[in-house]
């Protein structure tokens, strides 16, 4: 709440093993609902994938608590099946629909449409911390780190290993090719993301802008929670085709 992701990553680099994360409690979510209810009659809460976090469960528990405390407020909770900027793109679609004056059902539909077609591809500078995602044992990540293996992950509900590279240049090329295989020349919405690797992300954004038919392109910083599992130096793209 009171530090930037960049500051959080500096703390992470000083002592990675003491850097911890946890899902918000139902009371935390309820406080968010209380605040939003002062400005709106309907609330759509979009959460990170249930395969990656307990936040959806906390938000659902808070929704039940709110039925008594906030009887005049309609609350819906949606699992985005995503994380990283792909989750943000689902939220952005919902927000745009809300700004256009659409009702809650229409806002949810706008979010679902993007949720069902958005993709995220990430290149990690190290495999050292990936065991925290629950996808590989800690010993495997340690061995991979010694061998200097750099994984490529996709996010869709769960985190999947999509490949690996020996160096950064090779990894970025693979990420771009995977994106190209999915969207080709179609108009596409894109968010380029990074974890404490702004210079690399800016270069990647320039390449994406020049090589793809971008309707819009964003540059965002990875949340420290995701960086906890992926480590600093991570760069990637989230995207979905128009229509």
C-alpha atoms as a PDB file:
ATOM      1  CA  UNK A   1       0.000   0.000   0.000  1.00  0.00           C
ATOM      2  CA  UNK A   2       2.846   2.403   0.767  1.00  0.00           C
ATOM      3  CA  UNK A   3       5.769   1.296  -1.438  1.00  0.00           C
ATOM      4  CA  UNK A   4       6.195   0.887  -5.186  1.00  0.00           C
ATOM      5  CA  UNK A   5       6.926  -2.430  -6.911  1.00  0.00           C
ATOM      6  CA  UNK A   6      10.449  -1.181  -7.604  1.00  0.00           C
ATOM      7  CA  UNK A   7      11.077  -0.644  -3.880  1.00  0.00           C
ATOM      8  CA  UNK A   8       9.618  -4.079  -3.153  1.00  0.00           C
ATOM      9  CA  UNK A   9      12.014  -5.665  -5.655  1.00  0.00           C
ATOM     10  CA  UNK A  10      14.974  -3.943  -4.016  1.00  0.00           C
ATOM     11  CA  UNK A  11      13.921  -5.535  -0.727  1.00  0.00           C
ATOM     12  CA  UNK A  12      13.472  -8.844  -2.519  1.00  0.00           C
ATOM     13  CA  UNK A  13      17.005  -8.738  -3.925  1.00  0.00           C
ATOM     14  CA  UNK A  14      18.455  -7.963  -0.496  1.00  0.00           C
ATOM     15  CA  UNK A  15      16.938 -11.091   1.038  1.00  0.00           C
ATOM     16  CA  UNK A  16      14.814 -13.257  -1.325  1.00  0.00           C
ATOM     17  CA  UNK A  17      14.184 -16.007   1.210  1.00  0.00           C
ATOM     18  CA  UNK A  18      12.495 -13.661   3.689  1.00  0.00           C
ATOM     19  CA  UNK A  19      10.148 -12.209   1.049  1.00  0.00           C
ATOM     20  CA  UNK A  20       6.679 -13.695   1.678  1.00  0.00           C
ATOM     21  CA  UNK A  21       3.186 -13.281   0.240  1.00  0.00           C
ATOM     22  CA  UNK A  22      -0.334 -14.130   1.385  1.00  0.00           C
ATOM     23  CA  UNK A  23      -3.860 -13.691   0.102  1.00  0.00           C
ATOM     24  CA  UNK A  24      -6.051 -10.931   1.542  1.00  0.00           C
ATOM     25  CA  UNK A  25      -8.481 -11.999   4.247  1.00  0.00           C
ATOM     26  CA  UNK A  26     -12.278 -11.866   3.875  1.00  0.00           C
ATOM     27  CA  UNK A  27     -12.209  -8.813   6.135  1.00  0.00           C
ATOM     28  CA  UNK A  28      -9.738  -7.104   3.782  1.00  0.00           C
ATOM     29  CA  UNK A  29     -12.082  -7.778   0.865  1.00  0.00           C
ATOM     30  CA  UNK A  30     -15.110  -6.655   2.854  1.00  0.00           C
ATOM     31  CA  UNK A  31     -13.386  -3.360   3.590  1.00  0.00           C
ATOM     32  CA  UNK A  32     -12.887  -2.923  -0.145  1.00  0.00           C
ATOM     33  CA  UNK A  33     -16.582  -3.610  -0.726  1.00  0.00           C
ATOM     34  CA  UNK A  34     -17.519  -1.082   1.978  1.00  0.00           C
ATOM     35  CA  UNK A  35     -15.429   1.587   0.283  1.00  0.00           C
ATOM     36  CA  UNK A  36     -16.773   0.838  -3.214  1.00  0.00           C
ATOM     37  CA  UNK A  37     -20.384   0.726  -1.984  1.00  0.00           C
ATOM     38  CA  UNK A  38     -20.132   4.396  -1.055  1.00  0.00           C
ATOM     39  CA  UNK A  39     -19.764   5.209  -4.752  1.00  0.00           C
ATOM     40  CA  UNK A  40     -21.677   2.474  -6.563  1.00  0.00           C
ATOM     41  CA  UNK A  41     -24.755   0.289  -6.232  1.00  0.00           C
ATOM     42  CA  UNK A  42     -23.089  -2.674  -7.986  1.00  0.00           C
ATOM     43  CA  UNK A  43     -19.598  -4.097  -7.537  1.00  0.00           C
ATOM     44  CA  UNK A  44     -17.690  -6.548  -9.714  1.00  0.00           C
ATOM     45  CA  UNK A  45     -14.665  -8.022  -7.955  1.00  0.00           C
ATOM     46  CA  UNK A  46     -12.138  -9.588 -10.349  1.00  0.00           C
ATOM     47  CA  UNK A  47      -9.571 -11.891  -8.783  1.00  0.00           C
ATOM     48  CA  UNK A  48      -6.381 -13.661  -9.768  1.00  0.00           C
ATOM     49  CA  UNK A  49      -6.838 -17.301 -10.846  1.00  0.00           C
ATOM     50  CA  UNK A  50      -8.038 -19.671  -8.150  1.00  0.00           C
ATOM     51  CA  UNK A  51      -5.236 -21.996  -9.252  1.00  0.00           C
ATOM     52  CA  UNK A  52      -2.701 -19.438  -8.043  1.00  0.00           C
ATOM     53  CA  UNK A  53      -4.270 -17.760  -5.026  1.00  0.00           C
ATOM     54  CA  UNK A  54      -6.940 -18.003  -2.328  1.00  0.00           C
ATOM     55  CA  UNK A  55      -8.166 -14.493  -3.081  1.00  0.00           C
ATOM     56  CA  UNK A  56     -11.285 -15.661  -4.927  1.00  0.00           C
ATOM     57  CA  UNK A  57     -12.366 -17.645  -1.860  1.00  0.00           C
ATOM     58  CA  UNK A  58     -11.726 -14.668   0.423  1.00  0.00           C
ATOM     59  CA  UNK A  59     -13.754 -12.397  -1.852  1.00  0.00           C
ATOM     60  CA  UNK A  60     -16.642 -14.887  -1.940  1.00  0.00           C
ATOM     61  CA  UNK A  61     -16.619 -15.097   1.862  1.00  0.00           C
ATOM     62  CA  UNK A  62     -16.660 -11.299   2.020  1.00  0.00           C
ATOM     63  CA  UNK A  63     -19.584 -11.226  -0.401  1.00  0.00           C
ATOM     64  CA  UNK A  64     -21.575 -13.417   2.002  1.00  0.00           C
ATOM     65  CA  UNK A  65     -20.693 -11.144   4.932  1.00  0.00           C
ATOM     66  CA  UNK A  66     -21.740  -8.108   2.894  1.00  0.00           C
ATOM     67  CA  UNK A  67     -25.262  -9.442   2.369  1.00  0.00           C
ATOM     68  CA  UNK A  68     -26.122  -8.354   5.925  1.00  0.00           C
ATOM     69  CA  UNK A  69     -23.956  -5.264   6.168  1.00  0.00           C
ATOM     70  CA  UNK A  70     -24.529  -3.941   2.633  1.00  0.00           C
ATOM     71  CA  UNK A  71     -28.019  -5.185   1.697  1.00  0.00           C
ATOM     72  CA  UNK A  72     -28.523  -2.503  -0.961  1.00  0.00           C
ATOM     73  CA  UNK A  73     -25.285  -3.327  -2.818  1.00  0.00           C
ATOM     74  CA  UNK A  74     -25.092  -6.009  -5.506  1.00  0.00           C
ATOM     75  CA  UNK A  75     -21.723  -7.783  -5.479  1.00  0.00           C
ATOM     76  CA  UNK A  76     -20.382 -10.299  -7.975  1.00  0.00           C
ATOM     77  CA  UNK A  77     -17.017 -12.070  -7.755  1.00  0.00           C
ATOM     78  CA  UNK A  78     -15.325 -13.384 -10.913  1.00  0.00           C
ATOM     79  CA  UNK A  79     -12.279 -15.593 -11.319  1.00  0.00           C
ATOM     80  CA  UNK A  80     -10.273 -14.088 -14.176  1.00  0.00           C
ATOM     81  CA  UNK A  81      -8.309 -17.355 -14.693  1.00  0.00           C
ATOM     82  CA  UNK A  82      -5.358 -15.004 -15.127  1.00  0.00           C
ATOM     83  CA  UNK A  83      -2.536 -13.211 -13.363  1.00  0.00           C
ATOM     84  CA  UNK A  84       0.008 -10.588 -14.412  1.00  0.00           C
ATOM     85  CA  UNK A  85      -1.166  -7.976 -16.966  1.00  0.00           C
ATOM     86  CA  UNK A  86      -3.617 -10.430 -18.535  1.00  0.00           C
ATOM     87  CA  UNK A  87      -5.710 -10.101 -15.378  1.00  0.00           C
ATOM     88  CA  UNK A  88      -5.426  -6.331 -15.699  1.00  0.00           C
ATOM     89  CA  UNK A  89      -6.693  -6.489 -19.274  1.00  0.00           C
ATOM     90  CA  UNK A  90      -9.817  -8.306 -18.082  1.00  0.00           C
ATOM     91  CA  UNK A  91     -10.344  -5.600 -15.454  1.00  0.00           C
ATOM     92  CA  UNK A  92      -9.768  -2.858 -18.018  1.00  0.00           C
ATOM     93  CA  UNK A  93     -12.435  -4.311 -20.313  1.00  0.00           C
ATOM     94  CA  UNK A  94     -14.901  -4.334 -17.424  1.00  0.00           C
ATOM     95  CA  UNK A  95     -13.998  -0.766 -16.438  1.00  0.00           C
ATOM     96  CA  UNK A  96     -14.475   0.495 -19.975  1.00  0.00           C
ATOM     97  CA  UNK A  97     -17.913  -1.107 -20.123  1.00  0.00           C
ATOM     98  CA  UNK A  98     -18.825   0.493 -16.797  1.00  0.00           C
ATOM     99  CA  UNK A  99     -17.700   3.925 -17.992  1.00  0.00           C
ATOM    100  CA  UNK A 100     -19.948   3.488 -21.022  1.00  0.00           C
ATOM    101  CA  UNK A 101     -22.880   3.157 -18.617  1.00  0.00           C
ATOM    102  CA  UNK A 102     -23.524  -0.553 -19.090  1.00  0.00           C
ATOM    103  CA  UNK A 103     -25.221  -2.482 -16.303  1.00  0.00           C
ATOM    104  CA  UNK A 104     -23.547  -5.132 -14.142  1.00  0.00           C
ATOM    105  CA  UNK A 105     -24.502  -8.051 -16.400  1.00  0.00           C
ATOM    106  CA  UNK A 106     -23.063  -6.286 -19.439  1.00  0.00           C
ATOM    107  CA  UNK A 107     -19.899  -5.355 -17.544  1.00  0.00           C
ATOM    108  CA  UNK A 108     -19.442  -8.998 -16.542  1.00  0.00           C
ATOM    109  CA  UNK A 109     -19.956 -10.087 -20.139  1.00  0.00           C
ATOM    110  CA  UNK A 110     -17.277  -7.651 -21.331  1.00  0.00           C
ATOM    111  CA  UNK A 111     -14.864  -9.077 -18.764  1.00  0.00           C
ATOM    112  CA  UNK A 112     -15.690 -12.660 -19.731  1.00  0.00           C
ATOM    113  CA  UNK A 113     -15.097 -11.969 -23.422  1.00  0.00           C
ATOM    114  CA  UNK A 114     -11.537 -10.780 -22.772  1.00  0.00           C
ATOM    115  CA  UNK A 115     -10.930 -13.438 -20.113  1.00  0.00           C
ATOM    116  CA  UNK A 116     -11.638 -16.154 -22.655  1.00  0.00           C
ATOM    117  CA  UNK A 117      -9.127 -14.949 -25.236  1.00  0.00           C
ATOM    118  CA  UNK A 118      -6.303 -13.173 -23.381  1.00  0.00           C
ATOM    119  CA  UNK A 119      -2.881 -14.842 -23.153  1.00  0.00           C
ATOM    120  CA  UNK A 120       0.304 -14.148 -21.217  1.00  0.00           C
ATOM    121  CA  UNK A 121       3.833 -15.303 -22.084  1.00  0.00           C
ATOM    122  CA  UNK A 122       6.703 -14.631 -19.699  1.00  0.00           C
ATOM    123  CA  UNK A 123      10.457 -15.000 -19.992  1.00  0.00           C
ATOM    124  CA  UNK A 124      12.223 -15.458 -16.659  1.00  0.00           C
ATOM    125  CA  UNK A 125      15.813 -14.422 -16.138  1.00  0.00           C
ATOM    126  CA  UNK A 126      16.218 -17.200 -13.567  1.00  0.00           C
ATOM    127  CA  UNK A 127      14.494 -20.456 -12.660  1.00  0.00           C
ATOM    128  CA  UNK A 128      15.641 -20.139  -9.054  1.00  0.00           C
ATOM    129  CA  UNK A 129      12.376 -18.981  -7.514  1.00  0.00           C
ATOM    130  CA  UNK A 130       9.785 -20.796  -9.648  1.00  0.00           C
ATOM    131  CA  UNK A 131       9.315 -23.563  -7.073  1.00  0.00           C
ATOM    132  CA  UNK A 132       7.232 -21.015  -5.148  1.00  0.00           C
ATOM    133  CA  UNK A 133       4.551 -21.293  -7.844  1.00  0.00           C
ATOM    134  CA  UNK A 134       4.111 -24.956  -6.946  1.00  0.00           C
ATOM    135  CA  UNK A 135       4.951 -26.077 -10.481  1.00  0.00           C
ATOM    136  CA  UNK A 136       8.360 -27.662  -9.818  1.00  0.00           C
ATOM    137  CA  UNK A 137      10.227 -28.930  -6.730  1.00  0.00           C
ATOM    138  CA  UNK A 138      12.696 -26.604  -5.056  1.00  0.00           C
ATOM    139  CA  UNK A 139      15.619 -28.913  -5.811  1.00  0.00           C
ATOM    140  CA  UNK A 140      14.786 -28.827  -9.542  1.00  0.00           C
ATOM    141  CA  UNK A 141      14.757 -25.041  -9.549  1.00  0.00           C
ATOM    142  CA  UNK A 142      18.114 -25.002  -7.782  1.00  0.00           C
ATOM    143  CA  UNK A 143      19.638 -27.367 -10.347  1.00  0.00           C
ATOM    144  CA  UNK A 144      18.131 -25.334 -13.183  1.00  0.00           C
ATOM    145  CA  UNK A 145      19.611 -22.181 -11.690  1.00  0.00           C
ATOM    146  CA  UNK A 146      23.077 -23.740 -11.602  1.00  0.00           C
ATOM    147  CA  UNK A 147      22.693 -24.748 -15.254  1.00  0.00           C
ATOM    148  CA  UNK A 148      21.542 -21.202 -16.068  1.00  0.00           C
ATOM    149  CA  UNK A 149      18.284 -22.402 -17.631  1.00  0.00           C
ATOM    150  CA  UNK A 150      15.847 -19.562 -18.294  1.00  0.00           C
ATOM    151  CA  UNK A 151      12.212 -20.722 -18.498  1.00  0.00           C
ATOM    152  CA  UNK A 152       9.359 -19.422 -20.627  1.00  0.00           C
ATOM    153  CA  UNK A 153       5.962 -19.619 -18.943  1.00  0.00           C
ATOM    154  CA  UNK A 154       2.389 -19.131 -20.073  1.00  0.00           C
ATOM    155  CA  UNK A 155      -0.435 -18.158 -17.738  1.00  0.00           C
ATOM    156  CA  UNK A 156      -3.976 -19.350 -18.301  1.00  0.00           C
ATOM    157  CA  UNK A 157      -5.682 -20.543 -15.154  1.00  0.00           C
ATOM    158  CA  UNK A 158      -2.424 -22.135 -14.078  1.00  0.00           C
ATOM    159  CA  UNK A 159       1.224 -21.508 -14.878  1.00  0.00           C
ATOM    160  CA  UNK A 160       2.591 -23.744 -17.640  1.00  0.00           C
ATOM    161  CA  UNK A 161       6.165 -24.288 -18.724  1.00  0.00           C
ATOM    162  CA  UNK A 162       6.227 -23.539 -22.441  1.00  0.00           C
ATOM    163  CA  UNK A 163       9.941 -23.811 -23.111  1.00  0.00           C
ATOM    164  CA  UNK A 164      13.348 -22.581 -22.063  1.00  0.00           C
ATOM    165  CA  UNK A 165      16.283 -20.636 -23.376  1.00  0.00           C
ATOM    166  CA  UNK A 166      19.976 -20.413 -22.656  1.00  0.00           C
ATOM    167  CA  UNK A 167      20.150 -16.639 -22.899  1.00  0.00           C
ATOM    168  CA  UNK A 168      17.967 -13.555 -22.870  1.00  0.00           C
ATOM    169  CA  UNK A 169      18.125 -12.859 -26.598  1.00  0.00           C
ATOM    170  CA  UNK A 170      16.983 -16.372 -27.443  1.00  0.00           C
ATOM    171  CA  UNK A 171      14.226 -16.195 -24.840  1.00  0.00           C
ATOM    172  CA  UNK A 172      12.787 -12.935 -26.165  1.00  0.00           C
ATOM    173  CA  UNK A 173      12.775 -14.309 -29.710  1.00  0.00           C
ATOM    174  CA  UNK A 174      10.831 -17.348 -28.534  1.00  0.00           C
ATOM    175  CA  UNK A 175       8.291 -15.192 -26.704  1.00  0.00           C
ATOM    176  CA  UNK A 176       7.706 -13.072 -29.808  1.00  0.00           C
ATOM    177  CA  UNK A 177       7.376 -16.136 -32.025  1.00  0.00           C
ATOM    178  CA  UNK A 178       4.825 -17.695 -29.656  1.00  0.00           C
ATOM    179  CA  UNK A 179       2.838 -14.467 -29.738  1.00  0.00           C
ATOM    180  CA  UNK A 180       3.093 -14.338 -33.537  1.00  0.00           C
ATOM    181  CA  UNK A 181       1.808 -17.913 -33.786  1.00  0.00           C
ATOM    182  CA  UNK A 182      -1.279 -16.903 -31.802  1.00  0.00           C
ATOM    183  CA  UNK A 183      -2.240 -13.586 -33.388  1.00  0.00           C
ATOM    184  CA  UNK A 184      -0.467 -13.339 -36.749  1.00  0.00           C
ATOM    185  CA  UNK A 185      -1.399 -10.046 -38.417  1.00  0.00           C
ATOM    186  CA  UNK A 186      -4.655  -9.586 -36.493  1.00  0.00           C
ATOM    187  CA  UNK A 187      -5.234  -6.305 -34.634  1.00  0.00           C
ATOM    188  CA  UNK A 188      -4.186  -6.921 -31.047  1.00  0.00           C
ATOM    189  CA  UNK A 189      -4.279  -5.339 -27.588  1.00  0.00           C
ATOM    190  CA  UNK A 190      -0.927  -5.714 -25.821  1.00  0.00           C
ATOM    191  CA  UNK A 191       0.626  -5.098 -22.440  1.00  0.00           C
ATOM    192  CA  UNK A 192       4.388  -5.488 -22.032  1.00  0.00           C
ATOM    193  CA  UNK A 193       5.406  -6.240 -18.461  1.00  0.00           C
ATOM    194  CA  UNK A 194       8.574  -6.516 -16.412  1.00  0.00           C
ATOM    195  CA  UNK A 195       9.920  -7.201 -12.942  1.00  0.00           C
ATOM    196  CA  UNK A 196      12.708  -4.741 -12.211  1.00  0.00           C
ATOM    197  CA  UNK A 197      13.820  -4.762 -15.860  1.00  0.00           C
ATOM    198  CA  UNK A 198      12.533  -1.479 -17.263  1.00  0.00           C
ATOM    199  CA  UNK A 199      15.183  -1.052 -19.969  1.00  0.00           C
ATOM    200  CA  UNK A 200      14.565  -4.549 -21.360  1.00  0.00           C
ATOM    201  CA  UNK A 201      10.803  -4.014 -21.234  1.00  0.00           C
ATOM    202  CA  UNK A 202      11.041  -0.743 -23.139  1.00  0.00           C
ATOM    203  CA  UNK A 203      13.079  -2.465 -25.859  1.00  0.00           C
ATOM    204  CA  UNK A 204      10.522  -5.277 -26.009  1.00  0.00           C
ATOM    205  CA  UNK A 205       7.688  -2.766 -26.260  1.00  0.00           C
ATOM    206  CA  UNK A 206       9.403  -1.102 -29.236  1.00  0.00           C
ATOM    207  CA  UNK A 207       9.735  -4.459 -30.997  1.00  0.00           C
ATOM    208  CA  UNK A 208       6.129  -5.432 -30.349  1.00  0.00           C
ATOM    209  CA  UNK A 209       4.920  -2.047 -31.590  1.00  0.00           C
ATOM    210  CA  UNK A 210       6.922  -2.405 -34.800  1.00  0.00           C
ATOM    211  CA  UNK A 211       6.243  -6.097 -35.508  1.00  0.00           C
ATOM    212  CA  UNK A 212       2.553  -6.424 -34.578  1.00  0.00           C
ATOM    213  CA  UNK A 213      -0.679  -4.673 -35.513  1.00  0.00           C
ATOM    214  CA  UNK A 214      -1.265  -3.088 -32.101  1.00  0.00           C
ATOM    215  CA  UNK A 215      -4.546  -1.347 -31.338  1.00  0.00           C
ATOM    216  CA  UNK A 216      -3.046  -0.304 -28.017  1.00  0.00           C
ATOM    217  CA  UNK A 217       0.149  -1.167 -26.182  1.00  0.00           C
ATOM    218  CA  UNK A 218       0.904  -0.670 -22.497  1.00  0.00           C
ATOM    219  CA  UNK A 219       4.018  -0.927 -20.361  1.00  0.00           C
ATOM    220  CA  UNK A 220       3.440  -2.174 -16.835  1.00  0.00           C
ATOM    221  CA  UNK A 221       5.463  -3.398 -13.886  1.00  0.00           C
ATOM    222  CA  UNK A 222       4.969  -6.906 -12.540  1.00  0.00           C
ATOM    223  CA  UNK A 223       3.313  -7.002  -9.141  1.00  0.00           C
ATOM    224  CA  UNK A 224       5.734  -8.008  -6.349  1.00  0.00           C
ATOM    225  CA  UNK A 225       3.483 -10.980  -5.585  1.00  0.00           C
ATOM    226  CA  UNK A 226       4.124 -12.431  -9.034  1.00  0.00           C
ATOM    227  CA  UNK A 227       7.756 -11.423  -8.844  1.00  0.00           C
ATOM    228  CA  UNK A 228       7.990 -13.491  -5.684  1.00  0.00           C
ATOM    229  CA  UNK A 229       7.658 -16.622  -7.835  1.00  0.00           C
ATOM    230  CA  UNK A 230       9.276 -15.391 -11.038  1.00  0.00           C
ATOM    231  CA  UNK A 231      12.172 -13.315  -9.758  1.00  0.00           C
ATOM    232  CA  UNK A 232      13.565 -10.012 -10.963  1.00  0.00           C
ATOM    233  CA  UNK A 233      14.550  -9.666 -14.602  1.00  0.00           C
ATOM    234  CA  UNK A 234      11.288 -11.188 -15.833  1.00  0.00           C
ATOM    235  CA  UNK A 235       9.791  -9.666 -18.986  1.00  0.00           C
ATOM    236  CA  UNK A 236       6.751 -10.718 -20.963  1.00  0.00           C
ATOM    237  CA  UNK A 237       3.625  -9.876 -22.905  1.00  0.00           C
ATOM    238  CA  UNK A 238      -0.089 -10.178 -22.327  1.00  0.00           C
ATOM    239  CA  UNK A 239      -2.368  -9.806 -25.336  1.00  0.00           C
ATOM    240  CA  UNK A 240      -5.657 -10.596 -27.004  1.00  0.00           C
ATOM    241  CA  UNK A 241      -6.915 -10.171 -30.573  1.00  0.00           C
ATOM    242  CA  UNK A 242      -9.629  -7.693 -31.436  1.00  0.00           C
ATOM    243  CA  UNK A 243     -13.056  -9.101 -32.229  1.00  0.00           C
END
